[in-house]
């Protein structure tokens, strides 16, 4: 299993467990609607950081889209617009900033995963805490399809050498000892 798929699955599960308790904690400070939008924003923020790290992009590349979404989260009302903007920001960060090597495949993958994930959430019709947790988990399950459609760069493999590994380690150890 690819590292991005496995991590997205684990992250989605953790998000499903933590978004609603985070909302409860923030609700005392900001009120329920803004607290829920801020919890979803924080969830997308940490996922965007993961995406930026996987692609090797700096965190400065994702600041503007996330700041735009934070402004929408703090804006009173506008729940459908916040959710649609959040889906757009996710697509923008994932396909436009982080993994932009294959634009046609990326657009197709975004259409499939974002509409599929949002469709499942809408189909479930979350209203209670448990259904929101399940909806978030289902959304991230669908998001894993992105990494099957769009190839992600793997970690660079070790450079193969014809040299004996023991001799290589011995030489590195000798260099370290000479520096002391």
C-alpha atoms as a PDB file:
ATOM      1  CA  UNK A   1       0.000   0.000   0.000  1.00  0.00           C
ATOM      2  CA  UNK A   2       1.296   3.432  -0.871  1.00  0.00           C
ATOM      3  CA  UNK A   3       2.410   5.630   1.980  1.00  0.00           C
ATOM      4  CA  UNK A   4       0.011   8.429   0.960  1.00  0.00           C
ATOM      5  CA  UNK A   5      -2.962   6.044   0.881  1.00  0.00           C
ATOM      6  CA  UNK A   6      -2.140   4.529   4.245  1.00  0.00           C
ATOM      7  CA  UNK A   7      -1.549   7.903   5.874  1.00  0.00           C
ATOM      8  CA  UNK A   8      -4.749   9.365   4.404  1.00  0.00           C
ATOM      9  CA  UNK A   9      -6.724   6.435   5.794  1.00  0.00           C
ATOM     10  CA  UNK A  10      -5.205   6.847   9.249  1.00  0.00           C
ATOM     11  CA  UNK A  11      -5.577  10.629   9.113  1.00  0.00           C
ATOM     12  CA  UNK A  12      -9.227  10.309   8.095  1.00  0.00           C
ATOM     13  CA  UNK A  13      -9.913   7.984  11.005  1.00  0.00           C
ATOM     14  CA  UNK A  14      -8.220  10.333  13.463  1.00  0.00           C
ATOM     15  CA  UNK A  15     -10.113  13.277  11.964  1.00  0.00           C
ATOM     16  CA  UNK A  16     -13.407  11.453  12.326  1.00  0.00           C
ATOM     17  CA  UNK A  17     -12.659  10.974  16.001  1.00  0.00           C
ATOM     18  CA  UNK A  18     -11.347  14.468  16.759  1.00  0.00           C
ATOM     19  CA  UNK A  19     -13.373  17.000  14.734  1.00  0.00           C
ATOM     20  CA  UNK A  20     -16.457  16.905  16.926  1.00  0.00           C
ATOM     21  CA  UNK A  21     -14.591  17.077  20.286  1.00  0.00           C
ATOM     22  CA  UNK A  22     -12.580  19.984  18.881  1.00  0.00           C
ATOM     23  CA  UNK A  23     -15.852  21.660  17.918  1.00  0.00           C
ATOM     24  CA  UNK A  24     -17.186  21.207  21.444  1.00  0.00           C
ATOM     25  CA  UNK A  25     -14.032  22.775  22.893  1.00  0.00           C
ATOM     26  CA  UNK A  26     -14.198  25.769  20.558  1.00  0.00           C
ATOM     27  CA  UNK A  27     -17.970  26.217  20.873  1.00  0.00           C
ATOM     28  CA  UNK A  28     -17.644  27.874  24.265  1.00  0.00           C
ATOM     29  CA  UNK A  29     -15.403  30.576  22.787  1.00  0.00           C
ATOM     30  CA  UNK A  30     -16.950  31.226  19.388  1.00  0.00           C
ATOM     31  CA  UNK A  31     -20.363  29.609  19.257  1.00  0.00           C
ATOM     32  CA  UNK A  32     -21.250  26.331  17.585  1.00  0.00           C
ATOM     33  CA  UNK A  33     -21.388  27.318  13.869  1.00  0.00           C
ATOM     34  CA  UNK A  34     -18.033  29.098  13.799  1.00  0.00           C
ATOM     35  CA  UNK A  35     -16.468  26.417  16.009  1.00  0.00           C
ATOM     36  CA  UNK A  36     -17.525  23.691  13.586  1.00  0.00           C
ATOM     37  CA  UNK A  37     -16.146  25.586  10.603  1.00  0.00           C
ATOM     38  CA  UNK A  38     -12.876  26.227  12.482  1.00  0.00           C
ATOM     39  CA  UNK A  39     -12.581  22.541  13.379  1.00  0.00           C
ATOM     40  CA  UNK A  40     -13.053  21.586   9.722  1.00  0.00           C
ATOM     41  CA  UNK A  41     -10.536  24.269   8.729  1.00  0.00           C
ATOM     42  CA  UNK A  42      -7.979  22.864  11.202  1.00  0.00           C
ATOM     43  CA  UNK A  43      -8.613  19.389   9.810  1.00  0.00           C
ATOM     44  CA  UNK A  44      -7.908  20.600   6.277  1.00  0.00           C
ATOM     45  CA  UNK A  45      -4.904  22.588   7.503  1.00  0.00           C
ATOM     46  CA  UNK A  46      -3.156  19.522   8.916  1.00  0.00           C
ATOM     47  CA  UNK A  47      -4.020  17.474   5.829  1.00  0.00           C
ATOM     48  CA  UNK A  48      -2.611  20.241   3.610  1.00  0.00           C
ATOM     49  CA  UNK A  49       0.603  20.186   5.637  1.00  0.00           C
ATOM     50  CA  UNK A  50       0.830  16.442   4.996  1.00  0.00           C
ATOM     51  CA  UNK A  51       0.239  16.981   1.282  1.00  0.00           C
ATOM     52  CA  UNK A  52       2.915  19.678   1.133  1.00  0.00           C
ATOM     53  CA  UNK A  53       5.425  17.441   2.894  1.00  0.00           C
ATOM     54  CA  UNK A  54       4.686  14.493   0.587  1.00  0.00           C
ATOM     55  CA  UNK A  55       5.199  16.621  -2.490  1.00  0.00           C
ATOM     56  CA  UNK A  56       8.300  18.374  -1.182  1.00  0.00           C
ATOM     57  CA  UNK A  57       6.686  21.823  -1.419  1.00  0.00           C
ATOM     58  CA  UNK A  58       7.252  24.395   1.261  1.00  0.00           C
ATOM     59  CA  UNK A  59       4.545  25.351   3.692  1.00  0.00           C
ATOM     60  CA  UNK A  60       4.533  28.869   2.265  1.00  0.00           C
ATOM     61  CA  UNK A  61       2.876  27.478  -0.878  1.00  0.00           C
ATOM     62  CA  UNK A  62      -0.283  26.526   1.020  1.00  0.00           C
ATOM     63  CA  UNK A  63      -0.618  29.656   3.162  1.00  0.00           C
ATOM     64  CA  UNK A  64      -2.812  31.702   0.797  1.00  0.00           C
ATOM     65  CA  UNK A  65      -5.462  29.039   0.100  1.00  0.00           C
ATOM     66  CA  UNK A  66      -5.691  28.190   3.790  1.00  0.00           C
ATOM     67  CA  UNK A  67      -5.888  31.863   4.791  1.00  0.00           C
ATOM     68  CA  UNK A  68      -8.719  32.320   2.292  1.00  0.00           C
ATOM     69  CA  UNK A  69     -10.577  29.383   3.814  1.00  0.00           C
ATOM     70  CA  UNK A  70      -9.924  30.659   7.344  1.00  0.00           C
ATOM     71  CA  UNK A  71     -11.544  33.947   6.372  1.00  0.00           C
ATOM     72  CA  UNK A  72     -14.563  32.025   5.117  1.00  0.00           C
ATOM     73  CA  UNK A  73     -14.667  30.039   8.363  1.00  0.00           C
ATOM     74  CA  UNK A  74     -14.749  33.215  10.433  1.00  0.00           C
ATOM     75  CA  UNK A  75     -17.344  34.866   8.187  1.00  0.00           C
ATOM     76  CA  UNK A  76     -20.788  34.638   9.792  1.00  0.00           C
ATOM     77  CA  UNK A  77     -23.247  32.291   8.110  1.00  0.00           C
ATOM     78  CA  UNK A  78     -22.472  30.946   4.676  1.00  0.00           C
ATOM     79  CA  UNK A  79     -22.254  27.259   5.501  1.00  0.00           C
ATOM     80  CA  UNK A  80     -22.758  25.874   1.984  1.00  0.00           C
ATOM     81  CA  UNK A  81     -20.286  28.366   0.560  1.00  0.00           C
ATOM     82  CA  UNK A  82     -17.730  27.408   3.242  1.00  0.00           C
ATOM     83  CA  UNK A  83     -18.080  23.715   2.428  1.00  0.00           C
ATOM     84  CA  UNK A  84     -17.790  24.253  -1.330  1.00  0.00           C
ATOM     85  CA  UNK A  85     -14.863  26.619  -0.848  1.00  0.00           C
ATOM     86  CA  UNK A  86     -13.234  23.990   1.391  1.00  0.00           C
ATOM     87  CA  UNK A  87     -13.594  21.386  -1.349  1.00  0.00           C
ATOM     88  CA  UNK A  88     -12.126  23.831  -3.848  1.00  0.00           C
ATOM     89  CA  UNK A  89      -9.204  24.656  -1.566  1.00  0.00           C
ATOM     90  CA  UNK A  90      -8.499  20.954  -1.062  1.00  0.00           C
ATOM     91  CA  UNK A  91      -8.404  20.456  -4.834  1.00  0.00           C
ATOM     92  CA  UNK A  92      -6.299  23.591  -5.298  1.00  0.00           C
ATOM     93  CA  UNK A  93      -3.724  22.501  -2.744  1.00  0.00           C
ATOM     94  CA  UNK A  94      -3.591  18.863  -3.797  1.00  0.00           C
ATOM     95  CA  UNK A  95      -3.655  19.167  -7.589  1.00  0.00           C
ATOM     96  CA  UNK A  96      -2.652  22.764  -8.218  1.00  0.00           C
ATOM     97  CA  UNK A  97       0.154  23.188  -5.731  1.00  0.00           C
ATOM     98  CA  UNK A  98       1.393  19.836  -4.470  1.00  0.00           C
ATOM     99  CA  UNK A  99       0.954  17.271  -7.253  1.00  0.00           C
ATOM    100  CA  UNK A 100       0.751  19.286 -10.464  1.00  0.00           C
ATOM    101  CA  UNK A 101       2.823  17.046 -12.745  1.00  0.00           C
ATOM    102  CA  UNK A 102      -0.138  15.424 -14.530  1.00  0.00           C
ATOM    103  CA  UNK A 103      -2.823  18.107 -14.951  1.00  0.00           C
ATOM    104  CA  UNK A 104      -5.429  16.093 -16.882  1.00  0.00           C
ATOM    105  CA  UNK A 105      -5.267  13.133 -14.526  1.00  0.00           C
ATOM    106  CA  UNK A 106      -5.262  15.471 -11.541  1.00  0.00           C
ATOM    107  CA  UNK A 107      -8.420  17.252 -12.696  1.00  0.00           C
ATOM    108  CA  UNK A 108     -10.140  13.934 -13.333  1.00  0.00           C
ATOM    109  CA  UNK A 109      -9.019  12.639  -9.948  1.00  0.00           C
ATOM    110  CA  UNK A 110     -10.233  15.796  -8.202  1.00  0.00           C
ATOM    111  CA  UNK A 111     -13.635  15.595  -9.872  1.00  0.00           C
ATOM    112  CA  UNK A 112     -13.999  11.948  -8.899  1.00  0.00           C
ATOM    113  CA  UNK A 113     -12.741  12.221  -5.328  1.00  0.00           C
ATOM    114  CA  UNK A 114     -14.194  15.573  -4.327  1.00  0.00           C
ATOM    115  CA  UNK A 115     -17.615  14.985  -5.849  1.00  0.00           C
ATOM    116  CA  UNK A 116     -17.656  11.404  -4.606  1.00  0.00           C
ATOM    117  CA  UNK A 117     -16.652  12.392  -1.082  1.00  0.00           C
ATOM    118  CA  UNK A 118     -19.088  15.308  -0.950  1.00  0.00           C
ATOM    119  CA  UNK A 119     -21.812  13.106  -2.426  1.00  0.00           C
ATOM    120  CA  UNK A 120     -21.333  10.501   0.281  1.00  0.00           C
ATOM    121  CA  UNK A 121     -21.456  13.164   2.977  1.00  0.00           C
ATOM    122  CA  UNK A 122     -24.641  14.612   1.480  1.00  0.00           C
ATOM    123  CA  UNK A 123     -26.161  11.153   1.100  1.00  0.00           C
ATOM    124  CA  UNK A 124     -25.505  10.367   4.740  1.00  0.00           C
ATOM    125  CA  UNK A 125     -27.024  13.717   5.719  1.00  0.00           C
ATOM    126  CA  UNK A 126     -25.012  14.306   8.861  1.00  0.00           C
ATOM    127  CA  UNK A 127     -26.828  16.024  11.649  1.00  0.00           C
ATOM    128  CA  UNK A 128     -25.675  14.252  14.769  1.00  0.00           C
ATOM    129  CA  UNK A 129     -22.179  13.854  16.141  1.00  0.00           C
ATOM    130  CA  UNK A 130     -21.891  10.208  15.153  1.00  0.00           C
ATOM    131  CA  UNK A 131     -23.024  10.819  11.587  1.00  0.00           C
ATOM    132  CA  UNK A 132     -20.560  13.702  11.221  1.00  0.00           C
ATOM    133  CA  UNK A 133     -17.748  11.413  12.352  1.00  0.00           C
ATOM    134  CA  UNK A 134     -18.834   8.737   9.886  1.00  0.00           C
ATOM    135  CA  UNK A 135     -19.175  11.349   7.139  1.00  0.00           C
ATOM    136  CA  UNK A 136     -15.644  12.642   7.698  1.00  0.00           C
ATOM    137  CA  UNK A 137     -14.307   9.071   7.672  1.00  0.00           C
ATOM    138  CA  UNK A 138     -16.150   8.280   4.428  1.00  0.00           C
ATOM    139  CA  UNK A 139     -14.909  11.511   2.859  1.00  0.00           C
ATOM    140  CA  UNK A 140     -11.289  10.569   3.550  1.00  0.00           C
ATOM    141  CA  UNK A 141     -11.878   7.016   2.330  1.00  0.00           C
ATOM    142  CA  UNK A 142     -12.905   8.436  -1.035  1.00  0.00           C
ATOM    143  CA  UNK A 143      -9.927  10.832  -0.963  1.00  0.00           C
ATOM    144  CA  UNK A 144      -7.536   7.878  -0.984  1.00  0.00           C
ATOM    145  CA  UNK A 145      -8.645   7.163  -4.555  1.00  0.00           C
ATOM    146  CA  UNK A 146      -6.735  10.267  -5.629  1.00  0.00           C
ATOM    147  CA  UNK A 147      -3.420   8.568  -4.943  1.00  0.00           C
ATOM    148  CA  UNK A 148      -4.429   5.566  -7.057  1.00  0.00           C
ATOM    149  CA  UNK A 149      -5.386   7.790  -9.994  1.00  0.00           C
ATOM    150  CA  UNK A 150      -2.514  10.287  -9.814  1.00  0.00           C
ATOM    151  CA  UNK A 151       0.931   8.795  -9.258  1.00  0.00           C
ATOM    152  CA  UNK A 152       2.784  10.371  -6.366  1.00  0.00           C
ATOM    153  CA  UNK A 153       6.546  10.552  -6.286  1.00  0.00           C
ATOM    154  CA  UNK A 154       8.052   7.901  -4.094  1.00  0.00           C
ATOM    155  CA  UNK A 155      10.945   8.511  -1.800  1.00  0.00           C
ATOM    156  CA  UNK A 156      14.244   8.415  -3.616  1.00  0.00           C
ATOM    157  CA  UNK A 157      15.733   4.968  -3.396  1.00  0.00           C
ATOM    158  CA  UNK A 158      19.212   4.457  -2.087  1.00  0.00           C
ATOM    159  CA  UNK A 159      21.839   4.790  -4.761  1.00  0.00           C
ATOM    160  CA  UNK A 160      23.032   1.294  -5.566  1.00  0.00           C
ATOM    161  CA  UNK A 161      26.765   0.830  -5.343  1.00  0.00           C
ATOM    162  CA  UNK A 162      29.043  -2.046  -6.158  1.00  0.00           C
ATOM    163  CA  UNK A 163      30.867  -1.431  -2.906  1.00  0.00           C
ATOM    164  CA  UNK A 164      30.589  -3.754   0.060  1.00  0.00           C
ATOM    165  CA  UNK A 165      28.242  -2.261   2.692  1.00  0.00           C
ATOM    166  CA  UNK A 166      30.701  -3.148   5.455  1.00  0.00           C
ATOM    167  CA  UNK A 167      33.541  -1.308   3.724  1.00  0.00           C
ATOM    168  CA  UNK A 168      31.308   1.720   3.153  1.00  0.00           C
ATOM    169  CA  UNK A 169      30.289   1.799   6.841  1.00  0.00           C
ATOM    170  CA  UNK A 170      33.916   1.302   7.887  1.00  0.00           C
ATOM    171  CA  UNK A 171      35.045   4.255   5.781  1.00  0.00           C
ATOM    172  CA  UNK A 172      32.255   6.495   7.164  1.00  0.00           C
ATOM    173  CA  UNK A 173      33.139   5.500  10.722  1.00  0.00           C
ATOM    174  CA  UNK A 174      36.825   6.214  10.101  1.00  0.00           C
ATOM    175  CA  UNK A 175      35.949   9.689   8.735  1.00  0.00           C
ATOM    176  CA  UNK A 176      33.836  10.403  11.812  1.00  0.00           C
ATOM    177  CA  UNK A 177      36.672   9.325  14.100  1.00  0.00           C
ATOM    178  CA  UNK A 178      39.136  11.551  12.248  1.00  0.00           C
ATOM    179  CA  UNK A 179      36.858  14.563  12.800  1.00  0.00           C
ATOM    180  CA  UNK A 180      36.924  14.055  16.572  1.00  0.00           C
END
